Amino acid sequence: MDKAFGIVNFGGRRFWVEGMQEYRPSGAMSFLGRYRTVDFPISNLSNSGIDRIQVYIRRKPRSLVEHIGTGRHYNINSKRGRVHVLFSENGMDHDIYNNDIAAFLENMECIEQINCPYVVIVPSNMVYVQDFNELLQTHIESGADITLLYHSTDDAKEHFLNCNTVNLNKQKGVLSLEMNRGTAKNRSIFMDTYIMKKELFMDLVHRAHKESSMYSLADIVSLVCPELDVRGVAHRGFFATLTDFKSYYDANLSLIDFKTALSLFDPEWPIYTRTNDSCPTQYFEGASVKNSVVSNGCLVEGSIENSVIGRGCVIKKGAVIKNCVIMTDVTVAEGVHLENLVVDKHAHIVHVKEVIAEPGEPAYVRRGDVL
């Protein structure tokens, strides 16, 4: 689709998945055993026919750059399409200034060179499926200046905290954006997804920089709502925000439920990711797996219940894993009991026999750690 190009924006300053983001940007976080969170926005754009995509990274780029590579595994047109990774190098030591507006300004030349009239801006730390071609047509037909995607929820007091919400009038016009402080049950959660003309986008970036060095794109859009035609469009289906450690844990475990997974995964709308050549998971005599997602390349001798297991994990005889998110290449020794944990990649739990966190308060085992 030549009408629009895509921007995958990094998560805001308010969002931090404790432990995991010390090693990687939000887009590189493992999700459901075999994906990275950036796979969802790029796949949505690719499936929508948008094959010129910019991915912005604020910090620790290595893992995300390695995962995206040439972008061929996202079914991008090899002649004209491109996944372009762009960096924000200024203000690393002054995080309040290292926001998305600063990144856009630093790479404005790359934005100007793209010959598309519209831009679709999506977040790297939210998981959902959306046809952006359909959304773009809705935007064009409405005559709006900016279209924002939102998701209505009735549990905003407990979830989606620190996300922006959309204040709408009766005609679905956006009056303002404001942070969800957990004061109301029913809210329209802004999905950090925008559609607008490229020229307007560039004007807003420059205006935001003049207004305040700390302004984000959401801040400037909220500011101009009274003077521009800003519309909201409702999203249907699965939606998860990976904005803190608990939301990351809950989002992974929620997709163990088959009906919930069907609202995200559709054979006609594939989620692409970088794959590796590994054998199927082997289940040995005495192994027990209940209500879990187990990726390929694992060796399972123990018991797994209500958990997500990443690629290449080794679960020894007598080990028990319950309500856990286990990432790539983790070893759990014989007789070890793990419960309510997120275990980062390359960790080896071999000496302690029991690591159990309180239900509803998951604990974290660091990457490469030996317990």
Protein backbone atom coordinates (compact mmCIF):
# COMPACT_ATOMS: atom_id res chain seq x y z
CA MET A 1 0.00 0.00 0.00
CA ASP A 2 1.64 3.21 -1.20
CA LYS A 3 -0.67 5.52 0.74
CA ALA A 4 1.01 5.06 4.10
CA PHE A 5 4.21 4.08 5.84
CA GLY A 6 4.49 2.71 9.36
CA ILE A 7 6.30 3.86 12.48
CA VAL A 8 6.78 1.46 15.40
CA ASN A 9 7.26 3.73 18.39
CA PHE A 10 8.99 2.72 21.62
CA GLY A 11 7.04 2.68 24.88
CA GLY A 12 6.64 5.83 26.93
CA ARG A 13 8.73 6.88 29.93
CA ARG A 14 5.97 5.78 32.31
CA PHE A 15 6.22 2.16 31.14
CA TRP A 16 8.88 -0.11 32.58
CA VAL A 17 8.85 -3.90 32.86
CA GLU A 18 11.07 -4.31 35.87
CA GLY A 19 14.03 -6.62 35.39
CA MET A 20 13.43 -7.49 31.76
CA GLN A 21 13.97 -4.01 30.30
CA GLU A 22 17.35 -3.78 31.97
CA TYR A 23 18.58 -6.12 29.22
CA ARG A 24 16.46 -5.18 26.19
CA PRO A 25 14.03 -2.58 24.79
CA SER A 26 10.30 -3.20 25.13
CA GLY A 27 9.99 -4.42 21.53
CA ALA A 28 12.50 -7.21 22.13
CA MET A 29 10.73 -8.75 25.11
CA SER A 30 9.81 -12.41 24.68
CA PHE A 31 6.09 -13.06 24.39
CA LEU A 32 4.23 -16.35 24.59
CA GLY A 33 7.41 -18.40 24.28
CA ARG A 34 8.28 -17.81 20.63
CA TYR A 35 7.47 -14.20 19.71
CA ARG A 36 8.93 -10.79 20.51
CA THR A 37 6.48 -7.99 21.21
CA VAL A 38 7.66 -6.06 18.13
CA ASP A 39 6.41 -8.94 15.96
CA PHE A 40 2.80 -7.89 16.50
CA PRO A 41 2.96 -4.28 15.23
CA ILE A 42 5.23 -5.18 12.31
CA SER A 43 3.01 -8.13 11.33
CA ASN A 44 -0.09 -5.93 11.52
CA LEU A 45 1.55 -3.39 9.21
CA SER A 46 2.84 -6.06 6.82
CA ASN A 47 -0.52 -7.84 6.64
CA SER A 48 -2.16 -4.47 5.93
CA GLY A 49 0.06 -3.95 2.90
CA ILE A 50 2.33 -1.39 4.56
CA ASP A 51 5.86 -2.44 3.66
CA ARG A 52 7.88 0.67 4.52
CA ILE A 53 8.31 0.56 8.27
CA GLN A 54 10.49 2.50 10.67
CA VAL A 55 11.23 0.96 14.07
CA TYR A 56 12.51 3.37 16.72
CA ILE A 57 14.76 2.23 19.57
CA ARG A 58 15.64 4.33 22.60
CA ARG A 59 18.12 2.12 24.47
CA LYS A 60 19.95 -1.23 24.39
CA PRO A 61 19.34 -1.94 20.69
CA ARG A 62 21.36 -5.14 20.14
CA SER A 63 18.69 -7.79 20.78
CA LEU A 64 16.02 -5.98 18.76
CA VAL A 65 18.35 -5.30 15.82
CA GLU A 66 19.37 -8.97 15.76
CA HIS A 67 15.76 -10.11 15.85
CA ILE A 68 14.51 -7.81 13.08
CA GLY A 69 17.53 -8.41 10.85
CA THR A 70 16.67 -7.72 7.21
CA GLY A 71 12.95 -7.92 7.94
CA ARG A 72 12.37 -10.65 5.36
CA HIS A 73 10.63 -12.94 7.85
CA TYR A 74 7.86 -10.31 8.13
CA ASN A 75 6.80 -10.94 4.51
CA ILE A 76 7.94 -7.47 3.44
CA ASN A 77 8.15 -6.76 -0.30
CA SER A 78 11.82 -7.42 -1.05
CA LYS A 79 12.11 -4.82 -3.84
CA ARG A 80 10.42 -1.74 -2.44
CA GLY A 81 9.74 -2.64 1.20
CA ARG A 82 12.05 -2.16 4.13
CA VAL A 83 12.11 -2.40 7.90
CA HIS A 84 14.39 0.48 8.91
CA VAL A 85 15.70 0.50 12.49
CA LEU A 86 16.35 4.04 13.75
CA PHE A 87 18.01 5.13 16.96
CA SER A 88 17.60 7.94 19.43
CA GLU A 89 21.16 8.72 20.50
CA ASN A 90 20.69 12.05 22.23
CA GLY A 91 19.82 12.37 25.90
CA MET A 92 20.68 8.83 26.95
CA ASP A 93 21.87 10.13 30.31
CA HIS A 94 18.89 12.47 30.65
CA ASP A 95 15.93 10.18 30.22
CA ILE A 96 13.24 12.85 30.57
CA TYR A 97 14.43 14.34 27.29
CA ASN A 98 14.84 11.03 25.48
CA ASN A 99 11.23 10.76 24.28
CA ASP A 100 9.60 9.91 20.96
CA ILE A 101 9.55 13.54 19.77
CA ALA A 102 13.32 13.76 20.25
CA ALA A 103 13.74 10.53 18.28
CA PHE A 104 11.53 11.78 15.43
CA LEU A 105 13.42 15.07 15.25
CA GLU A 106 16.75 13.30 15.17
CA ASN A 107 15.58 11.15 12.26
CA MET A 108 13.41 13.73 10.48
CA GLU A 109 15.40 13.40 7.26
CA CYS A 110 14.47 9.70 7.06
CA ILE A 111 10.79 10.60 7.52
CA GLU A 112 10.90 13.33 4.87
CA GLN A 113 12.41 10.95 2.31
CA ILE A 114 9.44 8.55 2.39
CA ASN A 115 7.04 9.36 -0.42
CA CYS A 116 3.75 8.43 1.27
CA PRO A 117 0.97 10.89 2.13
CA TYR A 118 -0.06 9.16 5.37
CA VAL A 119 1.67 7.68 8.41
CA VAL A 120 0.44 4.94 10.75
CA ILE A 121 2.10 5.11 14.18
CA VAL A 122 1.88 2.05 16.45
CA PRO A 123 3.46 1.09 19.81
CA SER A 124 5.98 -1.69 20.37
CA ASN A 125 4.71 -2.59 23.85
CA MET A 126 1.05 -3.36 23.14
CA VAL A 127 -0.25 -6.64 21.75
CA TYR A 128 -3.28 -6.62 19.46
CA VAL A 129 -4.39 -7.32 15.89
CA GLN A 130 -5.65 -4.56 13.60
CA ASP A 131 -6.15 -4.13 9.86
CA PHE A 132 -4.54 -0.74 9.26
CA ASN A 133 -5.64 -0.63 5.63
CA GLU A 134 -9.25 -0.71 6.82
CA LEU A 135 -8.50 1.86 9.52
CA LEU A 136 -6.80 4.15 7.00
CA GLN A 137 -9.84 4.02 4.72
CA THR A 138 -12.05 4.92 7.68
CA HIS A 139 -9.75 7.84 8.44
CA ILE A 140 -9.77 9.14 4.85
CA GLU A 141 -13.54 8.80 4.46
CA SER A 142 -14.19 10.62 7.75
CA GLY A 143 -12.17 13.64 6.69
CA ALA A 144 -10.53 13.75 10.14
CA ASP A 145 -7.13 15.27 10.74
CA ILE A 146 -6.08 12.52 13.15
CA THR A 147 -7.59 9.13 13.93
CA LEU A 148 -6.80 7.41 17.23
CA LEU A 149 -7.44 3.76 18.06
CA TYR A 150 -8.85 2.94 21.49
CA HIS A 151 -10.08 -0.09 23.41
CA SER A 152 -13.06 0.10 25.77
CA THR A 153 -12.70 -1.72 29.07
CA ASP A 154 -14.64 -2.13 32.30
CA ASP A 155 -11.64 -2.96 34.50
CA ALA A 156 -9.64 0.25 34.24
CA LYS A 157 -9.39 0.52 38.04
CA GLU A 158 -7.10 -2.52 38.22
CA HIS A 159 -5.55 -2.66 34.74
CA PHE A 160 -4.07 -0.33 32.09
CA LEU A 161 -2.78 1.98 34.81
CA ASN A 162 -0.62 4.86 33.53
CA CYS A 163 -1.89 4.34 30.00
CA ASN A 164 -3.60 7.29 28.35
CA THR A 165 -7.37 7.29 28.01
CA VAL A 166 -9.45 8.92 25.29
CA ASN A 167 -12.16 11.37 26.28
CA LEU A 168 -14.84 11.22 23.57
CA ASN A 169 -17.92 13.23 22.73
CA LYS A 170 -21.10 11.62 21.41
CA GLN A 171 -19.83 11.80 17.80
CA LYS A 172 -16.61 9.88 18.70
CA GLY A 173 -14.63 13.09 18.51
CA VAL A 174 -11.62 13.16 20.83
CA LEU A 175 -11.76 15.95 23.39
CA SER A 176 -8.46 15.14 25.12
CA LEU A 177 -6.11 12.42 26.31
CA GLU A 178 -5.51 11.89 29.99
CA MET A 179 -3.71 9.31 32.09
CA ASN A 180 -5.61 6.42 33.65
CA ARG A 181 -5.14 6.77 37.41
CA GLY A 182 -7.48 3.91 38.29
CA THR A 183 -10.28 6.20 39.44
CA ALA A 184 -12.99 4.86 37.11
CA LYS A 185 -14.07 1.39 36.07
CA ASN A 186 -15.14 2.08 32.48
CA ARG A 187 -12.58 3.86 30.32
CA SER A 188 -11.52 4.05 26.68
CA ILE A 189 -7.83 3.10 26.71
CA PHE A 190 -5.75 4.83 24.06
CA MET A 191 -3.75 2.23 22.16
CA ASP A 192 -0.94 4.67 21.25
CA THR A 193 -1.98 4.22 17.61
CA TYR A 194 -2.38 7.22 15.30
CA ILE A 195 -3.19 7.82 11.64
CA MET A 196 -2.60 11.23 10.06
CA LYS A 197 -1.03 12.89 7.05
CA LYS A 198 2.76 12.85 7.03
CA GLU A 199 2.94 16.63 6.74
CA LEU A 200 0.71 17.09 9.79
CA PHE A 201 2.80 14.59 11.71
CA MET A 202 6.00 16.49 10.96
CA ASP A 203 4.35 19.80 11.93
CA LEU A 204 3.23 18.32 15.24
CA VAL A 205 6.72 17.02 15.98
CA HIS A 206 8.23 20.48 15.44
CA ARG A 207 5.46 22.14 17.44
CA ALA A 208 5.89 19.72 20.35
CA HIS A 209 9.59 20.49 20.48
CA LYS A 210 8.84 24.22 20.66
CA GLU A 211 6.17 23.78 23.34
CA SER A 212 8.27 21.62 25.69
CA SER A 213 11.37 19.46 25.44
CA MET A 214 9.54 16.88 27.54
CA TYR A 215 6.46 16.66 25.30
CA SER A 216 5.62 13.30 23.74
CA LEU A 217 3.49 12.77 20.64
CA ALA A 218 0.50 11.99 22.89
CA ASP A 219 1.03 15.28 24.72
CA ILE A 220 0.96 17.40 21.57
CA VAL A 221 -2.03 15.52 20.11
CA SER A 222 -3.96 16.13 23.33
CA LEU A 223 -3.02 19.82 23.13
CA VAL A 224 -4.32 20.25 19.58
CA CYS A 225 -7.60 18.35 20.07
CA PRO A 226 -9.63 21.58 20.42
CA GLU A 227 -8.30 22.98 17.12
CA LEU A 228 -8.10 19.85 14.93
CA ASP A 229 -10.63 17.20 13.96
CA VAL A 230 -9.42 14.24 16.02
CA ARG A 231 -11.59 11.10 15.86
CA GLY A 232 -11.58 7.88 17.85
CA VAL A 233 -12.14 4.39 16.41
CA ALA A 234 -12.92 1.45 18.69
CA HIS A 235 -10.82 -1.71 18.60
CA ARG A 236 -12.33 -5.18 18.98
CA GLY A 237 -10.53 -8.32 20.08
CA PHE A 238 -7.60 -9.15 22.34
CA PHE A 239 -5.63 -6.22 23.72
CA ALA A 240 -2.77 -6.27 26.22
CA THR A 241 -0.45 -3.52 27.39
CA LEU A 242 3.02 -4.60 28.51
CA THR A 243 3.58 -1.56 30.68
CA ASP A 244 4.89 -3.10 33.90
CA PHE A 245 6.03 -6.46 35.24
CA LYS A 246 2.59 -7.63 36.36
CA SER A 247 0.89 -6.72 33.08
CA TYR A 248 3.59 -8.61 31.16
CA TYR A 249 3.08 -11.72 33.30
CA ASP A 250 -0.72 -11.54 33.09
CA ALA A 251 -0.74 -11.02 29.31
CA ASN A 252 1.34 -14.13 28.71
CA LEU A 253 -0.72 -16.37 30.97
CA SER A 254 -4.04 -15.04 29.65
CA LEU A 255 -3.29 -16.47 26.21
CA ILE A 256 -3.01 -20.00 27.57
CA ASP A 257 -6.80 -20.01 27.37
CA PHE A 258 -7.71 -21.27 23.90
CA LYS A 259 -10.73 -19.00 23.41
CA THR A 260 -8.66 -15.96 24.38
CA ALA A 261 -5.90 -17.01 22.00
CA LEU A 262 -8.40 -17.30 19.14
CA SER A 263 -9.21 -13.59 19.55
CA LEU A 264 -5.55 -12.77 18.78
CA PHE A 265 -4.30 -15.47 16.42
CA ASP A 266 -5.98 -15.96 13.04
CA PRO A 267 -4.60 -18.20 10.25
CA GLU A 268 -5.61 -15.48 7.76
CA TRP A 269 -3.64 -12.88 9.71
CA PRO A 270 -0.31 -14.51 10.62
CA ILE A 271 2.02 -13.12 13.26
CA TYR A 272 5.52 -13.37 11.81
CA THR A 273 8.67 -13.90 13.84
CA ARG A 274 12.26 -14.97 13.40
CA THR A 275 12.39 -18.75 13.60
CA ASN A 276 15.25 -21.14 14.25
CA ASP A 277 15.82 -24.70 13.16
CA SER A 278 15.25 -26.90 16.18
CA CYS A 279 13.63 -30.24 16.78
CA PRO A 280 10.13 -30.63 18.23
CA THR A 281 9.79 -30.73 21.98
CA GLN A 282 10.42 -34.17 23.47
CA TYR A 283 8.19 -35.42 26.29
CA PHE A 284 9.74 -38.25 28.26
CA GLU A 285 8.03 -40.96 30.27
CA GLY A 286 6.56 -39.47 33.43
CA ALA A 287 6.25 -35.94 31.99
CA SER A 288 2.98 -34.11 32.68
CA VAL A 289 1.84 -30.96 30.85
CA LYS A 290 -1.51 -29.32 31.60
CA ASN A 291 -3.01 -26.12 30.20
CA SER A 292 0.34 -24.74 29.00
CA VAL A 293 2.11 -23.35 25.93
CA VAL A 294 5.39 -25.14 25.26
CA SER A 295 7.69 -23.98 22.46
CA ASN A 296 9.85 -26.19 20.25
CA GLY A 297 13.24 -27.62 21.15
CA CYS A 298 12.45 -28.40 24.81
CA LEU A 299 13.21 -31.55 26.80
CA VAL A 300 10.42 -32.21 29.32
CA GLU A 301 10.67 -34.86 32.01
CA GLY A 302 8.90 -33.02 34.83
CA SER A 303 5.50 -31.42 35.40
CA ILE A 304 4.23 -28.18 33.79
CA GLU A 305 0.92 -26.57 34.66
CA ASN A 306 -0.65 -23.29 33.51
CA SER A 307 2.67 -21.96 32.22
CA VAL A 308 4.42 -20.59 29.13
CA ILE A 309 7.69 -22.30 28.22
CA GLY A 310 10.14 -20.77 25.72
CA ARG A 311 12.36 -22.50 23.19
CA GLY A 312 15.10 -24.91 24.18
CA CYS A 313 14.22 -25.31 27.85
CA VAL A 314 15.20 -28.39 29.86
CA ILE A 315 12.76 -29.51 32.57
CA LYS A 316 14.32 -32.37 34.51
CA LYS A 317 12.60 -35.32 36.17
CA GLY A 318 10.53 -34.42 39.22
CA ALA A 319 10.64 -30.68 38.50
CA VAL A 320 7.35 -28.82 38.94
CA ILE A 321 6.56 -25.58 37.09
CA LYS A 322 3.27 -23.88 37.88
CA ASN A 323 1.91 -20.46 36.83
CA CYS A 324 5.25 -19.43 35.35
CA VAL A 325 6.59 -17.67 32.26
CA ILE A 326 9.86 -19.37 31.33
CA MET A 327 11.98 -17.89 28.55
CA THR A 328 14.49 -19.40 26.13
CA ASP A 329 17.19 -21.87 27.16
CA VAL A 330 16.29 -22.21 30.83
CA THR A 331 17.29 -25.30 32.79
CA VAL A 332 15.22 -26.49 35.75
CA ALA A 333 16.99 -29.26 37.64
CA GLU A 334 15.56 -32.45 39.10
CA GLY A 335 13.09 -31.95 41.94
CA VAL A 336 12.92 -28.14 41.68
CA HIS A 337 9.53 -26.50 42.33
CA LEU A 338 8.82 -23.13 40.63
CA GLU A 339 5.60 -21.20 41.05
CA ASN A 340 4.38 -17.71 40.07
CA LEU A 341 7.64 -16.64 38.39
CA VAL A 342 9.03 -15.02 35.28
CA VAL A 343 12.37 -16.70 34.53
CA ASP A 344 14.55 -14.85 32.03
CA LYS A 345 16.58 -16.58 29.32
CA HIS A 346 19.68 -18.69 30.03
CA ALA A 347 18.85 -18.98 33.74
CA HIS A 348 19.73 -22.23 35.50
CA ILE A 349 17.78 -23.23 38.59
CA VAL A 350 19.78 -26.18 39.83
CA HIS A 351 20.77 -25.76 43.50
CA VAL A 352 17.67 -24.41 45.26
CA LYS A 353 14.74 -26.79 45.43
CA GLU A 354 11.88 -24.32 45.75
CA VAL A 355 11.20 -20.81 44.43
CA ILE A 356 7.60 -19.81 45.06
CA ALA A 357 6.17 -16.28 44.89
CA GLU A 358 2.83 -15.17 46.26
CA PRO A 359 -0.17 -15.59 43.91
CA GLY A 360 -0.84 -12.32 42.15
CA GLU A 361 2.68 -11.05 42.94
CA PRO A 362 5.00 -12.79 40.46
CA ALA A 363 8.75 -12.73 41.08
CA TYR A 364 11.58 -12.41 38.57
CA VAL A 365 14.68 -14.54 38.00
CA ARG A 366 17.35 -12.60 36.15
CA ARG A 367 18.81 -13.49 32.77
CA GLY A 368 21.70 -15.91 32.95
CA ASP A 369 21.40 -16.27 36.74
CA VAL A 370 22.21 -19.50 38.55
CA LEU A 371 20.10 -20.34 41.57
